[in-house]
Amino acid sequence: MVDLKRGLSEAGTRRGRLPFTFRSMARFDQQETTKFHLDGAPEQSLLVLGYEPSRVQSRLFLADYARAALDLGITPQQFLNDFNPMYRRGEELLGRYVTELPQPAEGHARILLVNNSTLPFTEGRTNPLGVMHRAVIVTPNDAERRIVNSTMLVVGHGEEIDQEQEREFVTTDKISQKVY
């Protein structure tokens, strides 16, 4: 995940963009279903989720809330304010914009890059448009673990993670939190 961030930053800077920096890094055991959401970050951000192999059955979904907002004639930020998908009405409005991701083969890890942005659509199509994500835990199991390694990338210089924090993230097997 750290090497992926470096590669993305290098590709972006070659195209005249600012590099990515880490805003946060965490490792947790998630065994609770979530509703569609964005992770807290600036309006232009990229969430990188690394799922370790697990016997805890789960399903992952993405919702194109930016497209839902465009179809309603509002900005993504207004959609979040007016139709928060934590509530039924917002979740129902997202229904036709939802995609379920395929399951990895048993015993395989996966990395998921989620555009976590809240930028509005522009005619020049210059803004990266965000999507929401959701996990459904089919079979929670206290005897097992479902480890998610999570990093938030932001454009430019933000609250950078120092090299020691980065090394700890890469080498640790400690859980930041257990999400139940």
N, C-alpha and C. Protein backbone atom coordinates (compact mmCIF):
# COMPACT_ATOMS: atom_id res chain seq x y z
N MET A 1 0.83 -1.20 0.00
CA MET A 1 0.00 0.00 0.00
C MET A 1 0.87 1.25 0.00
N VAL A 2 2.00 1.18 0.71
CA VAL A 2 2.92 2.32 0.74
C VAL A 2 3.55 2.50 -0.64
N ASP A 3 3.96 1.39 -1.25
CA ASP A 3 4.54 1.47 -2.60
C ASP A 3 3.51 1.95 -3.62
N LEU A 4 2.27 1.53 -3.47
CA LEU A 4 1.21 1.98 -4.36
C LEU A 4 1.04 3.50 -4.26
N LYS A 5 1.04 4.03 -3.06
CA LYS A 5 0.94 5.48 -2.86
C LYS A 5 2.09 6.19 -3.54
N ARG A 6 3.31 5.66 -3.40
CA ARG A 6 4.47 6.29 -4.05
C ARG A 6 4.30 6.29 -5.57
N GLY A 7 3.86 5.17 -6.12
CA GLY A 7 3.65 5.07 -7.56
C GLY A 7 2.58 6.03 -8.05
N LEU A 8 1.49 6.15 -7.31
CA LEU A 8 0.43 7.08 -7.69
C LEU A 8 0.93 8.53 -7.63
N SER A 9 1.72 8.84 -6.62
CA SER A 9 2.27 10.19 -6.50
C SER A 9 3.20 10.50 -7.66
N GLU A 10 4.07 9.55 -8.00
CA GLU A 10 5.00 9.75 -9.11
C GLU A 10 4.24 9.94 -10.43
N ALA A 11 3.22 9.13 -10.66
CA ALA A 11 2.43 9.26 -11.88
C ALA A 11 1.74 10.62 -11.93
N GLY A 12 1.21 11.07 -10.81
CA GLY A 12 0.54 12.36 -10.76
C GLY A 12 1.49 13.52 -10.98
N THR A 13 2.65 13.48 -10.36
CA THR A 13 3.60 14.58 -10.52
C THR A 13 4.14 14.64 -11.95
N ARG A 14 4.28 13.50 -12.61
CA ARG A 14 4.69 13.52 -14.02
C ARG A 14 3.65 14.22 -14.89
N ARG A 15 2.41 14.23 -14.43
CA ARG A 15 1.32 14.89 -15.16
C ARG A 15 1.05 16.31 -14.65
N GLY A 16 1.95 16.81 -13.82
CA GLY A 16 1.82 18.18 -13.35
C GLY A 16 0.94 18.37 -12.13
N ARG A 17 0.60 17.29 -11.45
CA ARG A 17 -0.26 17.39 -10.26
C ARG A 17 0.59 17.34 -8.99
N LEU A 18 0.00 17.73 -7.90
CA LEU A 18 0.68 17.63 -6.62
C LEU A 18 0.74 16.17 -6.18
N PRO A 19 1.75 15.80 -5.40
CA PRO A 19 1.85 14.40 -4.93
C PRO A 19 0.82 14.10 -3.84
N PHE A 20 0.59 12.81 -3.62
CA PHE A 20 -0.24 12.38 -2.50
C PHE A 20 0.60 12.34 -1.24
N THR A 21 -0.04 12.64 -0.12
CA THR A 21 0.57 12.41 1.19
C THR A 21 -0.41 11.58 2.00
N PHE A 22 0.13 10.85 2.97
CA PHE A 22 -0.72 10.09 3.88
C PHE A 22 -1.35 11.05 4.88
N ARG A 23 -2.65 10.95 5.03
CA ARG A 23 -3.32 11.72 6.09
C ARG A 23 -3.53 10.84 7.32
N SER A 24 -3.81 9.55 7.07
CA SER A 24 -4.02 8.63 8.18
C SER A 24 -3.65 7.22 7.77
N MET A 25 -3.34 6.41 8.76
CA MET A 25 -3.03 4.99 8.57
C MET A 25 -3.59 4.25 9.78
N ALA A 26 -4.34 3.19 9.53
CA ALA A 26 -4.90 2.42 10.63
C ALA A 26 -5.06 0.96 10.21
N ARG A 27 -5.13 0.11 11.19
CA ARG A 27 -5.33 -1.32 10.97
C ARG A 27 -6.37 -1.77 11.97
N PHE A 28 -7.48 -2.34 11.47
CA PHE A 28 -8.55 -2.70 12.40
C PHE A 28 -9.22 -4.00 11.99
N ASP A 29 -9.92 -4.58 12.94
CA ASP A 29 -10.69 -5.81 12.75
C ASP A 29 -12.15 -5.37 12.63
N GLN A 30 -12.67 -5.40 11.41
CA GLN A 30 -14.05 -4.94 11.19
C GLN A 30 -14.97 -6.13 11.01
N GLN A 31 -15.94 -6.24 11.90
CA GLN A 31 -16.93 -7.30 11.80
C GLN A 31 -18.34 -6.77 12.03
N GLU A 32 -18.54 -5.54 11.64
CA GLU A 32 -19.87 -4.94 11.74
C GLU A 32 -20.23 -4.33 10.39
N THR A 33 -21.46 -4.56 9.98
CA THR A 33 -21.95 -3.97 8.73
C THR A 33 -21.97 -2.46 8.84
N THR A 34 -21.58 -1.79 7.75
CA THR A 34 -21.63 -0.34 7.72
C THR A 34 -22.67 0.12 6.71
N LYS A 35 -23.11 1.34 6.85
CA LYS A 35 -23.95 1.97 5.84
C LYS A 35 -23.03 2.68 4.85
N PHE A 36 -23.58 3.12 3.72
CA PHE A 36 -22.78 3.86 2.77
C PHE A 36 -22.23 5.11 3.43
N HIS A 37 -20.94 5.36 3.22
CA HIS A 37 -20.29 6.50 3.84
C HIS A 37 -19.01 6.88 3.10
N LEU A 38 -18.53 8.08 3.40
CA LEU A 38 -17.20 8.53 3.06
C LEU A 38 -16.41 8.54 4.35
N ASP A 39 -15.11 8.34 4.27
CA ASP A 39 -14.29 8.50 5.45
C ASP A 39 -13.88 9.97 5.53
N GLY A 40 -13.83 10.51 6.72
CA GLY A 40 -13.54 11.92 6.91
C GLY A 40 -12.20 12.31 6.30
N ALA A 41 -12.23 13.31 5.44
CA ALA A 41 -11.01 13.78 4.77
C ALA A 41 -11.35 15.05 4.00
N PRO A 42 -10.31 15.72 3.48
CA PRO A 42 -10.58 16.90 2.65
C PRO A 42 -11.39 16.53 1.41
N GLU A 43 -11.84 17.55 0.70
CA GLU A 43 -12.74 17.32 -0.43
C GLU A 43 -12.10 16.54 -1.57
N GLN A 44 -10.78 16.48 -1.64
CA GLN A 44 -10.11 15.67 -2.65
C GLN A 44 -9.21 14.68 -1.93
N SER A 45 -9.65 13.41 -1.89
CA SER A 45 -8.91 12.39 -1.15
C SER A 45 -9.15 11.02 -1.76
N LEU A 46 -8.25 10.12 -1.44
CA LEU A 46 -8.32 8.75 -1.94
C LEU A 46 -8.13 7.80 -0.77
N LEU A 47 -9.09 6.92 -0.57
CA LEU A 47 -9.03 5.93 0.49
C LEU A 47 -8.46 4.64 -0.09
N VAL A 48 -7.44 4.10 0.56
CA VAL A 48 -6.83 2.85 0.12
C VAL A 48 -7.07 1.83 1.22
N LEU A 49 -7.83 0.78 0.89
CA LEU A 49 -8.18 -0.25 1.86
C LEU A 49 -7.50 -1.56 1.46
N GLY A 50 -6.75 -2.11 2.38
CA GLY A 50 -6.09 -3.39 2.15
C GLY A 50 -6.76 -4.45 3.02
N TYR A 51 -7.43 -5.39 2.37
CA TYR A 51 -8.15 -6.44 3.09
C TYR A 51 -7.27 -7.68 3.15
N GLU A 52 -6.96 -8.13 4.37
CA GLU A 52 -6.19 -9.36 4.53
C GLU A 52 -7.12 -10.55 4.35
N PRO A 53 -6.57 -11.70 3.95
CA PRO A 53 -7.43 -12.88 3.82
C PRO A 53 -8.17 -13.16 5.13
N SER A 54 -9.44 -13.56 5.01
CA SER A 54 -10.26 -13.80 6.20
C SER A 54 -11.34 -14.83 5.89
N ARG A 55 -11.71 -15.59 6.92
CA ARG A 55 -12.83 -16.52 6.77
C ARG A 55 -14.15 -15.87 7.17
N VAL A 56 -14.08 -14.61 7.60
CA VAL A 56 -15.30 -13.87 7.91
C VAL A 56 -15.89 -13.43 6.58
N GLN A 57 -17.08 -13.95 6.28
CA GLN A 57 -17.71 -13.63 5.01
C GLN A 57 -18.24 -12.20 5.02
N SER A 58 -17.93 -11.48 3.92
CA SER A 58 -18.39 -10.11 3.81
C SER A 58 -18.64 -9.77 2.34
N ARG A 59 -19.36 -8.69 2.14
CA ARG A 59 -19.64 -8.18 0.79
C ARG A 59 -19.32 -6.70 0.79
N LEU A 60 -18.73 -6.23 -0.31
CA LEU A 60 -18.37 -4.82 -0.43
C LEU A 60 -19.14 -4.18 -1.57
N PHE A 61 -19.58 -2.94 -1.33
CA PHE A 61 -20.38 -2.21 -2.30
C PHE A 61 -19.83 -0.79 -2.46
N LEU A 62 -19.96 -0.25 -3.66
CA LEU A 62 -19.67 1.15 -3.94
C LEU A 62 -20.95 1.80 -4.43
N ALA A 63 -21.14 3.07 -4.10
CA ALA A 63 -22.31 3.82 -4.56
C ALA A 63 -21.82 5.13 -5.18
N ASP A 64 -22.21 5.36 -6.41
CA ASP A 64 -21.81 6.56 -7.15
C ASP A 64 -22.72 7.72 -6.74
N TYR A 65 -22.48 8.24 -5.56
CA TYR A 65 -23.33 9.32 -5.04
C TYR A 65 -23.11 10.61 -5.82
N ALA A 66 -21.92 10.79 -6.42
CA ALA A 66 -21.69 12.00 -7.23
C ALA A 66 -22.60 11.99 -8.46
N ARG A 67 -22.80 10.82 -9.05
CA ARG A 67 -23.72 10.72 -10.20
C ARG A 67 -25.17 10.92 -9.74
N ALA A 68 -25.50 10.35 -8.59
CA ALA A 68 -26.85 10.55 -8.05
C ALA A 68 -27.10 12.04 -7.84
N ALA A 69 -26.10 12.75 -7.31
CA ALA A 69 -26.25 14.20 -7.10
C ALA A 69 -26.41 14.92 -8.43
N LEU A 70 -25.59 14.58 -9.41
CA LEU A 70 -25.68 15.21 -10.73
C LEU A 70 -27.06 14.99 -11.33
N ASP A 71 -27.57 13.77 -11.23
CA ASP A 71 -28.90 13.47 -11.77
C ASP A 71 -30.00 14.26 -11.06
N LEU A 72 -29.77 14.62 -9.80
CA LEU A 72 -30.73 15.43 -9.04
C LEU A 72 -30.52 16.92 -9.25
N GLY A 73 -29.45 17.28 -9.97
CA GLY A 73 -29.15 18.68 -10.22
C GLY A 73 -28.53 19.40 -9.03
N ILE A 74 -27.85 18.64 -8.16
CA ILE A 74 -27.22 19.23 -6.98
C ILE A 74 -25.76 18.78 -6.92
N THR A 75 -25.00 19.38 -6.02
CA THR A 75 -23.60 18.99 -5.84
C THR A 75 -23.52 17.76 -4.95
N PRO A 76 -22.40 17.05 -5.01
CA PRO A 76 -22.22 15.93 -4.10
C PRO A 76 -22.33 16.35 -2.63
N GLN A 77 -21.77 17.51 -2.30
CA GLN A 77 -21.85 17.98 -0.91
C GLN A 77 -23.29 18.23 -0.49
N GLN A 78 -24.09 18.79 -1.40
CA GLN A 78 -25.51 19.01 -1.08
C GLN A 78 -26.23 17.68 -0.92
N PHE A 79 -25.88 16.69 -1.75
CA PHE A 79 -26.48 15.37 -1.60
C PHE A 79 -26.20 14.82 -0.21
N LEU A 80 -24.95 14.96 0.24
CA LEU A 80 -24.60 14.48 1.58
C LEU A 80 -25.38 15.21 2.66
N ASN A 81 -25.56 16.51 2.49
CA ASN A 81 -26.30 17.30 3.47
C ASN A 81 -27.79 16.99 3.47
N ASP A 82 -28.37 16.84 2.27
CA ASP A 82 -29.83 16.69 2.15
C ASP A 82 -30.31 15.24 2.18
N PHE A 83 -29.45 14.32 1.74
CA PHE A 83 -29.86 12.92 1.60
C PHE A 83 -28.81 11.97 2.17
N ASN A 84 -28.43 12.20 3.38
CA ASN A 84 -27.42 11.37 4.04
C ASN A 84 -27.85 9.90 3.97
N PRO A 85 -27.04 9.02 3.37
CA PRO A 85 -27.42 7.62 3.23
C PRO A 85 -27.40 6.83 4.54
N MET A 86 -27.06 7.48 5.63
CA MET A 86 -27.20 6.81 6.93
C MET A 86 -28.68 6.68 7.28
N TYR A 87 -29.50 7.46 6.56
CA TYR A 87 -30.94 7.42 6.75
C TYR A 87 -31.60 6.80 5.52
N ARG A 88 -32.78 6.26 5.71
CA ARG A 88 -33.47 5.49 4.67
C ARG A 88 -33.62 6.25 3.34
N ARG A 89 -34.06 7.50 3.39
CA ARG A 89 -34.31 8.25 2.15
C ARG A 89 -33.04 8.34 1.29
N GLY A 90 -31.91 8.68 1.90
CA GLY A 90 -30.66 8.77 1.17
C GLY A 90 -30.21 7.43 0.63
N GLU A 91 -30.39 6.39 1.43
CA GLU A 91 -30.02 5.05 0.99
C GLU A 91 -30.88 4.62 -0.20
N GLU A 92 -32.16 4.94 -0.15
CA GLU A 92 -33.06 4.60 -1.27
C GLU A 92 -32.67 5.35 -2.54
N LEU A 93 -32.28 6.62 -2.41
CA LEU A 93 -31.88 7.40 -3.59
C LEU A 93 -30.61 6.83 -4.24
N LEU A 94 -29.77 6.19 -3.46
CA LEU A 94 -28.54 5.61 -4.00
C LEU A 94 -28.77 4.27 -4.69
N GLY A 95 -29.91 3.66 -4.46
CA GLY A 95 -30.16 2.29 -4.91
C GLY A 95 -29.71 1.95 -6.32
N ARG A 96 -30.04 2.77 -7.29
CA ARG A 96 -29.70 2.45 -8.68
C ARG A 96 -28.25 2.78 -9.05
N TYR A 97 -27.51 3.36 -8.11
CA TYR A 97 -26.11 3.74 -8.34
C TYR A 97 -25.13 2.82 -7.61
N VAL A 98 -25.60 1.69 -7.14
CA VAL A 98 -24.80 0.79 -6.31
C VAL A 98 -24.23 -0.35 -7.15
N THR A 99 -22.97 -0.67 -6.89
CA THR A 99 -22.29 -1.80 -7.52
C THR A 99 -21.69 -2.68 -6.43
N GLU A 100 -21.95 -3.97 -6.51
CA GLU A 100 -21.30 -4.90 -5.59
C GLU A 100 -20.00 -5.36 -6.22
N LEU A 101 -18.93 -5.34 -5.44
CA LEU A 101 -17.63 -5.76 -5.93
C LEU A 101 -17.51 -7.28 -5.87
N PRO A 102 -16.79 -7.87 -6.82
CA PRO A 102 -16.61 -9.33 -6.77
C PRO A 102 -15.77 -9.73 -5.57
N GLN A 103 -15.99 -10.93 -5.11
CA GLN A 103 -15.25 -11.48 -3.97
C GLN A 103 -13.86 -11.94 -4.42
N PRO A 104 -12.84 -11.73 -3.58
CA PRO A 104 -11.54 -12.30 -3.93
C PRO A 104 -11.58 -13.81 -3.75
N ALA A 105 -10.68 -14.50 -4.41
CA ALA A 105 -10.58 -15.94 -4.22
C ALA A 105 -10.22 -16.22 -2.75
N GLU A 106 -10.69 -17.35 -2.24
CA GLU A 106 -10.44 -17.70 -0.85
C GLU A 106 -8.94 -17.68 -0.56
N GLY A 107 -8.59 -17.05 0.55
CA GLY A 107 -7.20 -16.98 0.96
C GLY A 107 -6.41 -15.85 0.33
N HIS A 108 -7.05 -15.04 -0.50
CA HIS A 108 -6.36 -13.94 -1.15
C HIS A 108 -6.67 -12.61 -0.48
N ALA A 109 -5.66 -11.74 -0.49
CA ALA A 109 -5.84 -10.37 -0.02
C ALA A 109 -6.30 -9.52 -1.20
N ARG A 110 -6.73 -8.30 -0.90
CA ARG A 110 -7.05 -7.36 -1.99
C ARG A 110 -6.86 -5.95 -1.49
N ILE A 111 -6.58 -5.08 -2.46
CA ILE A 111 -6.47 -3.66 -2.18
C ILE A 111 -7.54 -2.96 -3.00
N LEU A 112 -8.27 -2.09 -2.33
CA LEU A 112 -9.35 -1.35 -2.96
C LEU A 112 -9.04 0.14 -2.86
N LEU A 113 -9.03 0.83 -4.00
CA LEU A 113 -8.85 2.28 -4.02
C LEU A 113 -10.22 2.91 -4.20
N VAL A 114 -10.59 3.77 -3.27
CA VAL A 114 -11.91 4.40 -3.28
C VAL A 114 -11.72 5.91 -3.37
N ASN A 115 -12.23 6.51 -4.45
CA ASN A 115 -12.19 7.96 -4.55
C ASN A 115 -13.14 8.50 -3.48
N ASN A 116 -12.60 9.14 -2.49
CA ASN A 116 -13.32 9.60 -1.31
C ASN A 116 -13.68 11.09 -1.41
N SER A 117 -13.59 11.65 -2.63
CA SER A 117 -13.76 13.09 -2.83
C SER A 117 -15.21 13.54 -2.75
N THR A 118 -15.36 14.83 -2.47
CA THR A 118 -16.69 15.47 -2.46
C THR A 118 -16.75 16.61 -3.46
N LEU A 119 -15.82 16.65 -4.40
CA LEU A 119 -15.79 17.72 -5.39
C LEU A 119 -16.99 17.63 -6.33
N PRO A 120 -17.45 18.77 -6.84
CA PRO A 120 -18.59 18.76 -7.77
C PRO A 120 -18.16 18.45 -9.20
N PHE A 121 -19.11 18.02 -10.00
CA PHE A 121 -18.90 17.81 -11.43
C PHE A 121 -18.60 19.16 -12.08
N THR A 122 -17.66 19.17 -13.02
CA THR A 122 -17.38 20.38 -13.79
C THR A 122 -17.50 20.04 -15.27
N GLU A 123 -17.89 21.01 -16.07
CA GLU A 123 -18.03 20.78 -17.51
C GLU A 123 -16.71 20.32 -18.13
N GLY A 124 -15.60 20.81 -17.60
CA GLY A 124 -14.29 20.41 -18.11
C GLY A 124 -13.85 19.04 -17.62
N ARG A 125 -14.69 18.45 -16.74
CA ARG A 125 -14.41 17.12 -16.17
C ARG A 125 -13.03 17.05 -15.52
N THR A 126 -12.70 18.08 -14.78
CA THR A 126 -11.39 18.17 -14.15
C THR A 126 -11.38 17.66 -12.71
N ASN A 127 -12.53 17.51 -12.10
CA ASN A 127 -12.59 17.06 -10.71
C ASN A 127 -12.76 15.55 -10.62
N PRO A 128 -11.98 14.91 -9.74
CA PRO A 128 -12.24 13.50 -9.48
C PRO A 128 -13.53 13.37 -8.66
N LEU A 129 -14.44 12.55 -9.13
CA LEU A 129 -15.75 12.42 -8.48
C LEU A 129 -15.75 11.20 -7.55
N GLY A 130 -16.21 11.40 -6.34
CA GLY A 130 -16.14 10.38 -5.32
C GLY A 130 -17.26 9.36 -5.36
N VAL A 131 -17.03 8.27 -4.67
CA VAL A 131 -18.02 7.23 -4.45
C VAL A 131 -18.03 6.89 -2.96
N MET A 132 -19.15 6.38 -2.50
CA MET A 132 -19.26 5.92 -1.11
C MET A 132 -18.99 4.42 -1.08
N HIS A 133 -18.66 3.92 0.09
CA HIS A 133 -18.44 2.49 0.23
C HIS A 133 -19.21 1.95 1.42
N ARG A 134 -19.42 0.64 1.36
CA ARG A 134 -20.21 -0.04 2.39
C ARG A 134 -19.73 -1.48 2.50
N ALA A 135 -19.67 -1.99 3.71
CA ALA A 135 -19.35 -3.40 3.94
C ALA A 135 -20.53 -4.06 4.63
N VAL A 136 -20.90 -5.22 4.13
CA VAL A 136 -21.92 -6.05 4.79
C VAL A 136 -21.20 -7.28 5.32
N ILE A 137 -21.24 -7.46 6.62
CA ILE A 137 -20.59 -8.61 7.22
C ILE A 137 -21.64 -9.71 7.32
N VAL A 138 -21.45 -10.74 6.51
CA VAL A 138 -22.43 -11.83 6.42
C VAL A 138 -22.34 -12.73 7.63
N THR A 139 -21.13 -13.06 8.05
CA THR A 139 -20.94 -13.99 9.17
C THR A 139 -19.91 -13.46 10.16
N PRO A 140 -20.30 -12.54 11.04
CA PRO A 140 -19.35 -12.10 12.07
C PRO A 140 -18.91 -13.30 12.90
N ASN A 141 -17.67 -13.28 13.37
CA ASN A 141 -17.16 -14.42 14.12
C ASN A 141 -16.06 -13.94 15.05
N ASP A 142 -16.33 -13.91 16.35
CA ASP A 142 -15.35 -13.45 17.33
C ASP A 142 -14.09 -14.29 17.35
N ALA A 143 -14.18 -15.53 16.88
CA ALA A 143 -13.01 -16.41 16.87
C ALA A 143 -12.09 -16.14 15.66
N GLU A 144 -12.55 -15.32 14.74
CA GLU A 144 -11.78 -15.00 13.52
C GLU A 144 -11.49 -13.50 13.49
N ARG A 145 -10.68 -13.12 12.52
CA ARG A 145 -10.39 -11.71 12.32
C ARG A 145 -10.67 -11.34 10.87
N ARG A 146 -11.10 -10.11 10.66
CA ARG A 146 -11.28 -9.53 9.33
C ARG A 146 -10.50 -8.21 9.36
N ILE A 147 -9.23 -8.33 9.01
CA ILE A 147 -8.33 -7.19 9.14
C ILE A 147 -8.41 -6.30 7.90
N VAL A 148 -8.61 -5.01 8.17
CA VAL A 148 -8.62 -4.00 7.13
C VAL A 148 -7.50 -3.01 7.44
N ASN A 149 -6.59 -2.85 6.50
CA ASN A 149 -5.54 -1.84 6.59
C ASN A 149 -6.03 -0.64 5.81
N SER A 150 -6.11 0.50 6.45
CA SER A 150 -6.72 1.68 5.85
C SER A 150 -5.74 2.84 5.84
N THR A 151 -5.58 3.44 4.65
CA THR A 151 -4.81 4.66 4.55
C THR A 151 -5.64 5.70 3.79
N MET A 152 -5.50 6.94 4.19
CA MET A 152 -6.16 8.04 3.50
C MET A 152 -5.07 8.88 2.84
N LEU A 153 -5.21 9.07 1.53
CA LEU A 153 -4.28 9.89 0.78
C LEU A 153 -4.95 11.21 0.44
N VAL A 154 -4.20 12.29 0.61
CA VAL A 154 -4.69 13.60 0.23
C VAL A 154 -3.70 14.21 -0.76
N VAL A 155 -4.18 15.16 -1.53
CA VAL A 155 -3.35 15.80 -2.54
C VAL A 155 -2.58 16.95 -1.90
N GLY A 156 -1.30 17.00 -2.20
CA GLY A 156 -0.48 18.11 -1.69
C GLY A 156 0.01 17.85 -0.29
N HIS A 157 0.20 18.90 0.42
CA HIS A 157 0.77 18.80 1.76
C HIS A 157 -0.32 18.97 2.79
N GLY A 158 -0.53 17.92 3.53
CA GLY A 158 -1.53 17.96 4.60
C GLY A 158 -0.87 17.51 5.88
N GLU A 159 -1.64 16.82 6.69
CA GLU A 159 -1.11 16.27 7.93
C GLU A 159 -0.31 15.03 7.58
N GLU A 160 0.96 15.22 7.23
CA GLU A 160 1.76 14.10 6.77
C GLU A 160 2.07 13.13 7.90
N ILE A 161 2.09 11.88 7.52
CA ILE A 161 2.51 10.81 8.42
C ILE A 161 4.03 10.73 8.31
N ASP A 162 4.73 10.70 9.43
CA ASP A 162 6.19 10.65 9.34
C ASP A 162 6.67 9.23 9.03
N GLN A 163 7.94 9.09 8.72
CA GLN A 163 8.49 7.80 8.29
C GLN A 163 8.40 6.74 9.39
N GLU A 164 8.50 7.14 10.64
CA GLU A 164 8.39 6.18 11.74
C GLU A 164 6.97 5.62 11.82
N GLN A 165 5.97 6.49 11.67
CA GLN A 165 4.58 6.02 11.67
C GLN A 165 4.32 5.11 10.47
N GLU A 166 4.90 5.45 9.34
CA GLU A 166 4.76 4.63 8.13
C GLU A 166 5.39 3.26 8.35
N ARG A 167 6.60 3.23 8.93
CA ARG A 167 7.29 1.96 9.21
C ARG A 167 6.46 1.10 10.17
N GLU A 168 5.93 1.73 11.19
CA GLU A 168 5.11 1.00 12.17
C GLU A 168 3.88 0.39 11.50
N PHE A 169 3.23 1.14 10.62
CA PHE A 169 2.06 0.64 9.89
C PHE A 169 2.41 -0.59 9.05
N VAL A 170 3.56 -0.53 8.39
CA VAL A 170 3.97 -1.62 7.50
C VAL A 170 4.38 -2.87 8.27
N THR A 171 4.98 -2.70 9.42
CA THR A 171 5.56 -3.86 10.12
C THR A 171 4.73 -4.41 11.27
N THR A 172 3.73 -3.69 11.72
CA THR A 172 3.00 -4.12 12.92
C THR A 172 1.94 -5.17 12.62
N ASP A 173 1.62 -5.95 13.62
CA ASP A 173 0.45 -6.82 13.54
C ASP A 173 -0.57 -6.38 14.59
N LYS A 174 -0.33 -5.20 15.19
CA LYS A 174 -1.26 -4.67 16.19
C LYS A 174 -2.49 -4.11 15.51
N ILE A 175 -3.61 -4.27 16.18
CA ILE A 175 -4.88 -3.76 15.71
C ILE A 175 -5.10 -2.39 16.35
N SER A 176 -5.43 -1.38 15.52
CA SER A 176 -5.72 -0.05 16.05
C SER A 176 -7.01 -0.08 16.85
N GLN A 177 -7.96 -0.81 16.32
CA GLN A 177 -9.27 -0.88 16.96
C GLN A 177 -10.03 -2.10 16.45
N LYS A 178 -10.96 -2.55 17.23
CA LYS A 178 -11.86 -3.61 16.81
C LYS A 178 -13.21 -2.96 16.59
N VAL A 179 -13.74 -3.08 15.39
CA VAL A 179 -14.98 -2.41 15.05
C VAL A 179 -16.12 -3.40 15.15
N TYR A 180 -16.96 -3.22 16.18
CA TYR A 180 -18.14 -4.08 16.37
C TYR A 180 -19.36 -3.22 16.49
